[in-house]
């Protein structure tokens, strides 16, 4: 392979890797085991059924690397969920932190009330994050 072809191949590989540097990642079972209790505690759901499943959930990631043309090295996530409380009302919240670093998570309530108003508040916050470059990740099994 001559120099021109080698250079072209290196450019192709660099472009491919840059795409991988921004790929959404699944939170993984271990991270989910850590962040869900933090969110439930913040929402006041800690003492309720341990198996309480969210009615709605989204996981957003922001992964950027200077090595692949990014402005900074940044690996962040936001997990959004809406739960139905025993009294029939809904509560939505969000927990966030850094991926690949020691576990330091923060959480906040996004909305409380009927399902439509809570979902609207959560979706509004999600749209703001998507506008900042976050990408939605799929949950694996």
N, C-alpha and C. Protein backbone atom coordinates (compact mmCIF):
# COMPACT_ATOMS: atom_id res chain seq x y z
N UNK A 1 0.85 -1.17 0.00
CA UNK A 1 0.00 0.00 0.00
C UNK A 1 0.90 1.24 0.00
N UNK A 2 0.64 2.17 -0.92
CA UNK A 2 1.47 3.37 -0.99
C UNK A 2 1.02 4.40 0.06
N UNK A 3 1.81 5.47 0.18
CA UNK A 3 1.57 6.48 1.22
C UNK A 3 0.19 7.13 1.10
N UNK A 4 -0.23 7.38 -0.14
CA UNK A 4 -1.52 8.03 -0.36
C UNK A 4 -2.66 7.13 0.16
N UNK A 5 -2.58 5.86 -0.14
CA UNK A 5 -3.61 4.92 0.31
C UNK A 5 -3.59 4.74 1.83
N UNK A 6 -2.39 4.73 2.41
CA UNK A 6 -2.26 4.60 3.86
C UNK A 6 -2.90 5.82 4.54
N UNK A 7 -2.61 7.02 4.01
CA UNK A 7 -3.17 8.24 4.59
C UNK A 7 -4.70 8.23 4.48
N UNK A 8 -5.21 7.82 3.33
CA UNK A 8 -6.67 7.75 3.15
C UNK A 8 -7.29 6.76 4.12
N UNK A 9 -6.64 5.63 4.32
CA UNK A 9 -7.15 4.61 5.25
C UNK A 9 -7.13 5.13 6.69
N UNK A 10 -6.08 5.86 7.07
CA UNK A 10 -6.01 6.44 8.41
C UNK A 10 -7.12 7.47 8.63
N UNK A 11 -7.41 8.27 7.64
CA UNK A 11 -8.50 9.25 7.74
C UNK A 11 -9.83 8.52 7.90
N UNK A 12 -10.05 7.46 7.13
CA UNK A 12 -11.29 6.69 7.22
C UNK A 12 -11.45 6.09 8.62
N UNK A 13 -10.36 5.52 9.16
CA UNK A 13 -10.41 4.92 10.49
C UNK A 13 -10.67 5.99 11.55
N UNK A 14 -10.03 7.15 11.44
CA UNK A 14 -10.24 8.23 12.41
C UNK A 14 -11.69 8.70 12.40
N UNK A 15 -12.29 8.81 11.20
CA UNK A 15 -13.69 9.22 11.12
C UNK A 15 -14.60 8.17 11.75
N UNK A 16 -14.30 6.92 11.53
CA UNK A 16 -15.09 5.84 12.11
C UNK A 16 -14.99 5.87 13.63
N UNK A 17 -13.77 6.05 14.15
CA UNK A 17 -13.59 6.10 15.60
C UNK A 17 -14.27 7.32 16.21
N UNK A 18 -14.27 8.43 15.52
CA UNK A 18 -14.94 9.63 16.02
C UNK A 18 -16.43 9.35 16.18
N UNK A 19 -17.00 8.58 15.29
CA UNK A 19 -18.40 8.21 15.42
C UNK A 19 -18.63 7.34 16.63
N UNK A 20 -17.71 6.43 16.90
CA UNK A 20 -17.85 5.57 18.07
C UNK A 20 -17.71 6.36 19.37
N UNK A 21 -16.92 7.42 19.35
CA UNK A 21 -16.71 8.20 20.57
C UNK A 21 -17.99 8.89 21.02
N UNK A 22 -18.98 9.03 20.15
CA UNK A 22 -20.23 9.71 20.51
C UNK A 22 -21.40 8.73 20.57
N UNK A 23 -21.13 7.43 20.50
CA UNK A 23 -22.23 6.47 20.50
C UNK A 23 -22.90 6.40 21.86
N UNK A 24 -24.24 6.36 21.90
CA UNK A 24 -24.93 6.18 23.17
C UNK A 24 -24.61 4.81 23.74
N UNK A 25 -24.49 4.75 25.04
CA UNK A 25 -24.18 3.48 25.68
C UNK A 25 -25.29 3.08 26.64
N UNK A 26 -25.46 1.80 26.82
CA UNK A 26 -26.42 1.30 27.78
C UNK A 26 -25.87 1.53 29.17
N UNK A 27 -26.73 1.90 30.13
CA UNK A 27 -26.23 2.16 31.48
C UNK A 27 -25.67 0.93 32.15
N UNK A 28 -26.08 -0.23 31.72
CA UNK A 28 -25.59 -1.45 32.35
C UNK A 28 -26.31 -1.73 33.66
N UNK A 29 -26.38 -2.97 33.99
CA UNK A 29 -27.09 -3.42 35.18
C UNK A 29 -26.48 -2.83 36.45
N UNK A 30 -25.17 -2.79 36.54
CA UNK A 30 -24.51 -2.29 37.75
C UNK A 30 -24.84 -0.83 38.01
N UNK A 31 -24.78 0.00 36.97
CA UNK A 31 -25.09 1.41 37.14
C UNK A 31 -26.54 1.59 37.53
N UNK A 32 -27.44 0.84 36.89
CA UNK A 32 -28.86 0.95 37.23
C UNK A 32 -29.11 0.59 38.68
N UNK A 33 -28.38 -0.42 39.20
CA UNK A 33 -28.55 -0.80 40.61
C UNK A 33 -28.12 0.33 41.53
N UNK A 34 -27.20 1.16 41.08
CA UNK A 34 -26.71 2.28 41.90
C UNK A 34 -27.63 3.50 41.82
N UNK A 35 -28.08 3.84 40.61
CA UNK A 35 -28.77 5.12 40.45
C UNK A 35 -30.26 5.08 40.81
N UNK A 36 -30.91 3.95 40.63
CA UNK A 36 -32.35 3.89 40.91
C UNK A 36 -32.65 4.13 42.39
N UNK A 37 -31.90 3.54 43.34
CA UNK A 37 -32.15 3.87 44.75
C UNK A 37 -31.93 5.35 45.07
N UNK A 38 -30.95 5.99 44.42
CA UNK A 38 -30.71 7.42 44.64
C UNK A 38 -31.93 8.22 44.21
N UNK A 39 -32.49 7.87 43.05
CA UNK A 39 -33.66 8.58 42.55
C UNK A 39 -34.88 8.34 43.44
N UNK A 40 -35.10 7.09 43.83
CA UNK A 40 -36.26 6.78 44.67
C UNK A 40 -36.17 7.51 46.02
N UNK A 41 -34.98 7.61 46.57
CA UNK A 41 -34.79 8.33 47.83
C UNK A 41 -35.15 9.81 47.66
N UNK A 42 -34.70 10.40 46.58
CA UNK A 42 -34.99 11.81 46.31
C UNK A 42 -36.49 12.05 46.11
N UNK A 43 -37.18 11.09 45.52
CA UNK A 43 -38.61 11.24 45.23
C UNK A 43 -39.50 10.83 46.40
N UNK A 44 -38.90 10.37 47.48
CA UNK A 44 -39.67 9.95 48.64
C UNK A 44 -40.32 8.59 48.47
N UNK A 45 -39.75 7.75 47.62
CA UNK A 45 -40.31 6.43 47.33
C UNK A 45 -39.47 5.31 47.94
N UNK A 46 -38.51 5.67 48.75
CA UNK A 46 -37.54 4.70 49.25
C UNK A 46 -38.17 3.56 50.04
N UNK A 47 -39.12 3.84 50.91
CA UNK A 47 -39.70 2.79 51.75
C UNK A 47 -40.81 2.00 51.07
N UNK A 48 -41.17 2.37 49.86
CA UNK A 48 -42.26 1.69 49.16
C UNK A 48 -41.75 0.44 48.47
N UNK A 49 -42.62 -0.25 47.81
CA UNK A 49 -42.30 -1.55 47.18
C UNK A 49 -40.95 -1.49 46.45
N UNK A 50 -40.07 -2.38 46.83
CA UNK A 50 -38.73 -2.41 46.24
C UNK A 50 -38.79 -2.67 44.74
N UNK A 51 -39.79 -3.37 44.30
CA UNK A 51 -39.89 -3.71 42.89
C UNK A 51 -40.76 -2.72 42.10
N UNK A 52 -41.04 -1.56 42.67
CA UNK A 52 -41.83 -0.54 41.98
C UNK A 52 -41.12 -0.17 40.68
N UNK A 53 -41.76 -0.41 39.56
CA UNK A 53 -41.17 -0.13 38.26
C UNK A 53 -41.64 1.22 37.73
N UNK A 54 -40.78 1.92 37.01
CA UNK A 54 -41.19 3.21 36.46
C UNK A 54 -42.20 3.02 35.33
N UNK A 55 -43.12 3.95 35.21
CA UNK A 55 -44.09 3.94 34.10
C UNK A 55 -43.44 4.48 32.83
N UNK A 56 -42.34 5.19 32.99
CA UNK A 56 -41.64 5.85 31.89
C UNK A 56 -40.19 5.98 32.32
N UNK A 57 -39.26 5.72 31.42
CA UNK A 57 -37.85 5.93 31.75
C UNK A 57 -37.06 6.22 30.48
N UNK A 58 -36.08 7.05 30.63
CA UNK A 58 -35.18 7.38 29.52
C UNK A 58 -33.78 7.54 30.09
N UNK A 59 -32.80 7.12 29.31
CA UNK A 59 -31.40 7.24 29.71
C UNK A 59 -30.67 7.99 28.61
N UNK A 60 -30.09 9.12 28.95
CA UNK A 60 -29.36 9.93 27.98
C UNK A 60 -27.88 9.94 28.34
N UNK A 61 -27.04 9.92 27.33
CA UNK A 61 -25.61 10.00 27.58
C UNK A 61 -25.00 11.10 26.71
N UNK A 62 -23.90 11.63 27.22
CA UNK A 62 -23.12 12.60 26.48
C UNK A 62 -21.68 12.14 26.59
N UNK A 63 -21.12 11.70 25.48
CA UNK A 63 -19.75 11.19 25.47
C UNK A 63 -18.97 11.97 24.43
N UNK A 64 -17.89 12.60 24.89
CA UNK A 64 -17.06 13.40 23.99
C UNK A 64 -15.60 13.16 24.35
N UNK A 65 -14.75 13.11 23.36
CA UNK A 65 -13.34 12.86 23.60
C UNK A 65 -12.49 13.84 22.79
N UNK A 66 -11.51 14.48 23.47
CA UNK A 66 -10.57 15.37 22.78
C UNK A 66 -9.77 14.59 21.75
N UNK A 67 -9.48 13.35 22.07
CA UNK A 67 -8.68 12.50 21.19
C UNK A 67 -9.34 12.34 19.82
N UNK A 68 -10.68 12.39 19.79
CA UNK A 68 -11.40 12.19 18.53
C UNK A 68 -12.07 13.47 18.05
N UNK A 69 -11.48 14.62 18.37
CA UNK A 69 -11.97 15.89 17.83
C UNK A 69 -12.95 16.64 18.71
N UNK A 70 -13.23 16.14 19.89
CA UNK A 70 -14.16 16.83 20.79
C UNK A 70 -13.50 18.00 21.49
N UNK A 71 -14.29 18.85 22.09
CA UNK A 71 -13.79 20.01 22.80
C UNK A 71 -13.19 19.59 24.15
N UNK A 72 -13.77 18.56 24.78
CA UNK A 72 -13.29 18.11 26.08
C UNK A 72 -13.50 16.61 26.23
N UNK A 73 -12.96 16.06 27.29
CA UNK A 73 -13.25 14.68 27.65
C UNK A 73 -14.41 14.73 28.63
N UNK A 74 -15.56 14.26 28.20
CA UNK A 74 -16.75 14.37 29.01
C UNK A 74 -17.62 13.14 28.81
N UNK A 75 -17.97 12.47 29.89
CA UNK A 75 -18.82 11.28 29.84
C UNK A 75 -19.89 11.44 30.91
N UNK A 76 -21.06 11.90 30.51
CA UNK A 76 -22.12 12.18 31.48
C UNK A 76 -23.38 11.41 31.12
N UNK A 77 -24.25 11.25 32.11
CA UNK A 77 -25.53 10.61 31.85
C UNK A 77 -26.63 11.31 32.64
N UNK A 78 -27.85 11.15 32.16
CA UNK A 78 -29.08 11.56 32.85
C UNK A 78 -30.05 10.40 32.73
N UNK A 79 -30.63 10.00 33.85
CA UNK A 79 -31.66 8.96 33.86
C UNK A 79 -32.95 9.62 34.35
N UNK A 80 -33.99 9.53 33.54
CA UNK A 80 -35.29 10.11 33.87
C UNK A 80 -36.28 8.98 34.09
N UNK A 81 -37.15 9.13 35.09
CA UNK A 81 -38.17 8.12 35.34
C UNK A 81 -39.41 8.76 35.93
N UNK A 82 -40.56 8.14 35.66
CA UNK A 82 -41.83 8.55 36.26
C UNK A 82 -42.41 7.34 36.97
N UNK A 83 -42.77 7.53 38.23
CA UNK A 83 -43.36 6.46 39.04
C UNK A 83 -44.78 6.85 39.44
N UNK A 84 -45.63 5.84 39.57
CA UNK A 84 -46.96 6.07 40.13
C UNK A 84 -46.89 5.75 41.61
N UNK A 85 -47.34 6.67 42.44
CA UNK A 85 -47.30 6.48 43.88
C UNK A 85 -48.53 5.67 44.33
N UNK A 86 -48.50 5.12 45.53
CA UNK A 86 -49.64 4.32 46.01
C UNK A 86 -50.96 5.09 46.03
N UNK A 87 -50.92 6.42 46.18
CA UNK A 87 -52.17 7.18 46.20
C UNK A 87 -52.69 7.50 44.80
N UNK A 88 -51.99 7.01 43.77
CA UNK A 88 -52.46 7.19 42.39
C UNK A 88 -51.87 8.38 41.66
N UNK A 89 -51.16 9.25 42.36
CA UNK A 89 -50.52 10.38 41.69
C UNK A 89 -49.21 9.93 41.06
N UNK A 90 -48.59 10.81 40.32
CA UNK A 90 -47.34 10.48 39.64
C UNK A 90 -46.24 11.42 40.10
N UNK A 91 -45.01 10.91 40.06
CA UNK A 91 -43.86 11.73 40.40
C UNK A 91 -42.74 11.38 39.41
N UNK A 92 -42.12 12.41 38.89
CA UNK A 92 -41.03 12.22 37.92
C UNK A 92 -39.75 12.80 38.47
N UNK A 93 -38.66 12.17 38.12
CA UNK A 93 -37.38 12.66 38.60
C UNK A 93 -36.26 12.33 37.65
N UNK A 94 -35.10 12.77 38.02
CA UNK A 94 -33.92 12.66 37.19
C UNK A 94 -32.70 12.51 38.09
N UNK A 95 -31.83 11.59 37.72
CA UNK A 95 -30.56 11.42 38.43
C UNK A 95 -29.46 11.54 37.38
N UNK A 96 -28.35 12.17 37.76
CA UNK A 96 -27.27 12.36 36.80
C UNK A 96 -25.92 12.17 37.47
N UNK A 97 -24.92 11.97 36.63
CA UNK A 97 -23.56 11.78 37.12
C UNK A 97 -22.61 11.59 35.96
N UNK A 98 -21.39 11.19 36.28
CA UNK A 98 -20.35 10.96 35.28
C UNK A 98 -20.20 9.47 35.04
N UNK A 99 -19.99 9.10 33.79
CA UNK A 99 -19.75 7.70 33.44
C UNK A 99 -18.26 7.41 33.56
N UNK A 100 -17.93 6.28 34.14
CA UNK A 100 -16.53 5.88 34.21
C UNK A 100 -15.73 6.52 35.33
N UNK A 101 -16.38 7.16 36.26
CA UNK A 101 -15.70 7.80 37.38
C UNK A 101 -16.32 7.28 38.68
N UNK A 102 -15.69 7.53 39.81
CA UNK A 102 -16.28 7.08 41.07
C UNK A 102 -17.73 7.58 41.20
N UNK A 103 -18.55 6.74 41.80
CA UNK A 103 -19.99 7.01 41.88
C UNK A 103 -20.30 8.24 42.71
N UNK A 104 -20.69 9.31 42.05
CA UNK A 104 -21.21 10.50 42.69
C UNK A 104 -22.42 10.90 41.88
N UNK A 105 -23.61 10.63 42.41
CA UNK A 105 -24.83 10.90 41.68
C UNK A 105 -25.63 11.99 42.38
N UNK A 106 -26.34 12.76 41.59
CA UNK A 106 -27.24 13.77 42.12
C UNK A 106 -28.61 13.50 41.52
N UNK A 107 -29.64 13.82 42.29
CA UNK A 107 -31.00 13.58 41.81
C UNK A 107 -31.89 14.76 42.16
N UNK A 108 -32.97 14.89 41.42
CA UNK A 108 -33.95 15.93 41.71
C UNK A 108 -35.32 15.52 41.21
N UNK A 109 -36.32 16.04 41.88
CA UNK A 109 -37.70 15.83 41.43
C UNK A 109 -37.97 16.79 40.29
N UNK A 110 -38.59 16.28 39.23
CA UNK A 110 -38.91 17.12 38.07
C UNK A 110 -40.37 17.54 38.10
N UNK A 111 -41.24 16.70 38.61
CA UNK A 111 -42.65 17.05 38.67
C UNK A 111 -43.43 16.09 39.53
N UNK A 112 -44.58 16.55 40.02
CA UNK A 112 -45.45 15.72 40.85
C UNK A 112 -46.88 16.13 40.55
N UNK A 113 -47.77 15.15 40.38
CA UNK A 113 -49.18 15.46 40.10
C UNK A 113 -49.81 14.41 39.21
N UNK A 114 -50.63 14.87 38.24
CA UNK A 114 -51.27 13.92 37.34
C UNK A 114 -50.28 13.47 36.27
N UNK A 115 -50.58 12.36 35.61
CA UNK A 115 -49.63 11.75 34.68
C UNK A 115 -49.24 12.68 33.54
N UNK A 116 -50.19 13.43 32.99
CA UNK A 116 -49.88 14.30 31.86
C UNK A 116 -48.95 15.44 32.23
N UNK A 117 -49.19 16.08 33.36
CA UNK A 117 -48.33 17.22 33.74
C UNK A 117 -46.92 16.74 34.09
N UNK A 118 -46.81 15.60 34.76
CA UNK A 118 -45.49 15.07 35.11
C UNK A 118 -44.74 14.65 33.85
N UNK A 119 -45.43 13.94 32.95
CA UNK A 119 -44.76 13.51 31.72
C UNK A 119 -44.33 14.71 30.89
N UNK A 120 -45.15 15.75 30.85
CA UNK A 120 -44.79 16.96 30.12
C UNK A 120 -43.54 17.61 30.71
N UNK A 121 -43.46 17.69 32.03
CA UNK A 121 -42.29 18.30 32.69
C UNK A 121 -41.03 17.48 32.41
N UNK A 122 -41.15 16.16 32.49
CA UNK A 122 -39.99 15.29 32.25
C UNK A 122 -39.56 15.38 30.80
N UNK A 123 -40.51 15.30 29.88
CA UNK A 123 -40.16 15.37 28.45
C UNK A 123 -39.54 16.73 28.10
N UNK A 124 -39.99 17.79 28.73
CA UNK A 124 -39.41 19.11 28.50
C UNK A 124 -37.93 19.13 28.90
N UNK A 125 -37.64 18.56 30.04
CA UNK A 125 -36.24 18.50 30.49
C UNK A 125 -35.40 17.61 29.56
N UNK A 126 -35.97 16.51 29.11
CA UNK A 126 -35.27 15.62 28.18
C UNK A 126 -34.96 16.37 26.89
N UNK A 127 -35.92 17.12 26.37
CA UNK A 127 -35.71 17.87 25.12
C UNK A 127 -34.59 18.89 25.28
N UNK A 128 -34.50 19.53 26.44
CA UNK A 128 -33.40 20.48 26.67
C UNK A 128 -32.06 19.76 26.64
N UNK A 129 -31.99 18.58 27.22
CA UNK A 129 -30.73 17.82 27.22
C UNK A 129 -30.38 17.36 25.81
N UNK A 130 -31.37 16.90 25.05
CA UNK A 130 -31.11 16.49 23.66
C UNK A 130 -30.59 17.66 22.85
N UNK A 131 -31.11 18.86 23.12
CA UNK A 131 -30.64 20.06 22.44
C UNK A 131 -29.20 20.42 22.77
N UNK A 132 -28.72 19.94 23.91
CA UNK A 132 -27.33 20.20 24.31
C UNK A 132 -26.37 19.13 23.80
N UNK A 133 -26.87 18.15 23.06
CA UNK A 133 -26.00 17.14 22.49
C UNK A 133 -26.07 15.77 23.14
N UNK A 134 -26.91 15.60 24.14
CA UNK A 134 -27.10 14.28 24.73
C UNK A 134 -27.80 13.39 23.72
N UNK A 135 -27.57 12.09 23.84
CA UNK A 135 -28.23 11.13 22.96
C UNK A 135 -28.92 10.08 23.81
N UNK A 136 -30.05 9.60 23.31
CA UNK A 136 -30.78 8.59 24.05
C UNK A 136 -30.12 7.23 23.84
N UNK A 137 -29.93 6.53 24.94
CA UNK A 137 -29.34 5.19 24.89
C UNK A 137 -30.44 4.16 25.09
N UNK A 138 -30.26 3.00 24.51
CA UNK A 138 -31.22 1.93 24.67
C UNK A 138 -30.85 1.09 25.88
N UNK A 139 -31.87 0.64 26.58
CA UNK A 139 -31.64 -0.27 27.69
C UNK A 139 -31.50 -1.68 27.16
N UNK A 140 -30.48 -2.36 27.59
CA UNK A 140 -30.31 -3.77 27.24
C UNK A 140 -31.04 -4.59 28.30
N UNK A 141 -31.03 -5.89 28.16
CA UNK A 141 -31.74 -6.77 29.09
C UNK A 141 -31.26 -6.59 30.51
